[in-house]
Amino acid sequence: WIAGGALVVDVRTPEEFAAGNYKGSINIPLAEIESKLKMFGSRDRLIIVYCRTGNRSELARQILEKNGFKNVINGGGLKDMPY
């Protein structure tokens, strides 16, 4: 998905994001997902969400799917993301 141009979203806090993040990712904290849906673009866009362990990113995936996004995967924790 990443090679295909997926949007990679870090749902951790801004402080966690600043301490280290996946190259090319954007930071939209879990608590702000629903208020920032427009930042995700098309409902058909490929989206990968990740956090520290995969728990918050799973909640983010569920929120996005509830709001009509069709191609969302939970990338797990930062350490799980491919480098």
Protein backbone atom coordinates (compact mmCIF):
# COMPACT_ATOMS: atom_id res chain seq x y z
CA TRP A 1 0.00 0.00 0.00
CA ILE A 2 2.81 2.40 0.83
CA ALA A 3 4.41 1.86 -2.58
CA GLY A 4 0.98 2.53 -4.09
CA GLY A 5 0.83 5.99 -2.54
CA ALA A 6 -1.23 5.30 0.57
CA LEU A 7 -1.72 8.08 3.08
CA VAL A 8 0.20 7.07 6.22
CA VAL A 9 -1.27 8.57 9.38
CA ASP A 10 0.29 8.54 12.85
CA VAL A 11 -2.56 8.75 15.38
CA ARG A 12 -0.29 9.30 18.40
CA THR A 13 0.02 12.59 20.23
CA PRO A 14 2.01 15.45 18.66
CA GLU A 15 4.71 14.88 21.30
CA GLU A 16 5.05 11.20 20.38
CA PHE A 17 5.10 12.10 16.68
CA ALA A 18 7.85 14.69 17.25
CA ALA A 19 9.96 12.10 19.10
CA GLY A 20 10.03 9.86 16.01
CA ASN A 21 7.68 8.90 13.21
CA TYR A 22 7.37 6.96 9.98
CA LYS A 23 8.96 8.85 7.08
CA GLY A 24 6.30 10.67 5.07
CA SER A 25 3.53 10.18 7.61
CA ILE A 26 1.21 12.90 8.86
CA ASN A 27 0.07 13.31 12.45
CA ILE A 28 -3.66 13.32 13.21
CA PRO A 29 -4.09 12.32 16.87
CA LEU A 30 -6.83 9.77 17.59
CA ALA A 31 -8.89 12.34 19.53
CA GLU A 32 -8.98 14.57 16.42
CA ILE A 33 -9.82 11.97 13.74
CA GLU A 34 -13.55 12.72 13.48
CA SER A 35 -13.06 16.49 13.45
CA LYS A 36 -10.42 16.25 10.69
CA LEU A 37 -12.00 13.77 8.27
CA LYS A 38 -11.44 16.15 5.34
CA MET A 39 -7.67 15.73 5.80
CA PHE A 40 -8.03 12.08 4.73
CA GLY A 41 -9.34 12.99 1.28
CA SER A 42 -11.39 10.60 -0.84
CA ARG A 43 -13.35 7.83 0.89
CA ASP A 44 -11.66 5.43 -1.57
CA ARG A 45 -8.10 6.51 -0.74
CA LEU A 46 -5.67 3.92 0.59
CA ILE A 47 -4.97 4.78 4.24
CA ILE A 48 -2.62 3.20 6.76
CA VAL A 49 -2.96 4.24 10.40
CA TYR A 50 -0.39 3.44 13.07
CA CYS A 51 0.41 4.38 16.67
CA ARG A 52 2.72 2.98 19.35
CA THR A 53 1.28 -0.52 19.80
CA GLY A 54 -1.65 -0.79 17.38
CA ASN A 55 -4.47 -0.13 19.85
CA ARG A 56 -5.16 3.51 19.00
CA SER A 57 -4.69 2.85 15.32
CA GLU A 58 -7.33 0.11 15.50
CA LEU A 59 -9.76 2.60 17.02
CA ALA A 60 -8.85 5.10 14.29
CA ARG A 61 -9.47 2.45 11.62
CA GLN A 62 -12.91 1.76 13.07
CA ILE A 63 -13.76 5.49 13.18
CA LEU A 64 -12.70 5.96 9.57
CA GLU A 65 -14.68 2.94 8.39
CA LYS A 66 -17.73 4.15 10.32
CA ASN A 67 -17.40 7.40 8.38
CA GLY A 68 -17.34 5.68 4.99
CA PHE A 69 -13.64 5.15 4.29
CA LYS A 70 -13.26 1.85 2.45
CA ASN A 71 -9.52 1.14 2.25
CA VAL A 72 -8.09 1.53 5.74
CA ILE A 73 -5.63 -0.81 7.41
CA ASN A 74 -4.17 -0.81 10.88
CA GLY A 75 -0.41 -0.73 10.42
CA GLY A 76 0.10 -1.53 14.09
CA GLY A 77 2.84 0.17 16.03
CA LEU A 78 5.65 2.34 14.64
CA LYS A 79 8.02 -0.61 15.11
CA ASP A 80 5.73 -2.71 12.89
CA MET A 81 5.87 -0.33 9.95
CA PRO A 82 8.19 -1.38 7.09
CA TYR A 83 11.45 0.52 6.66
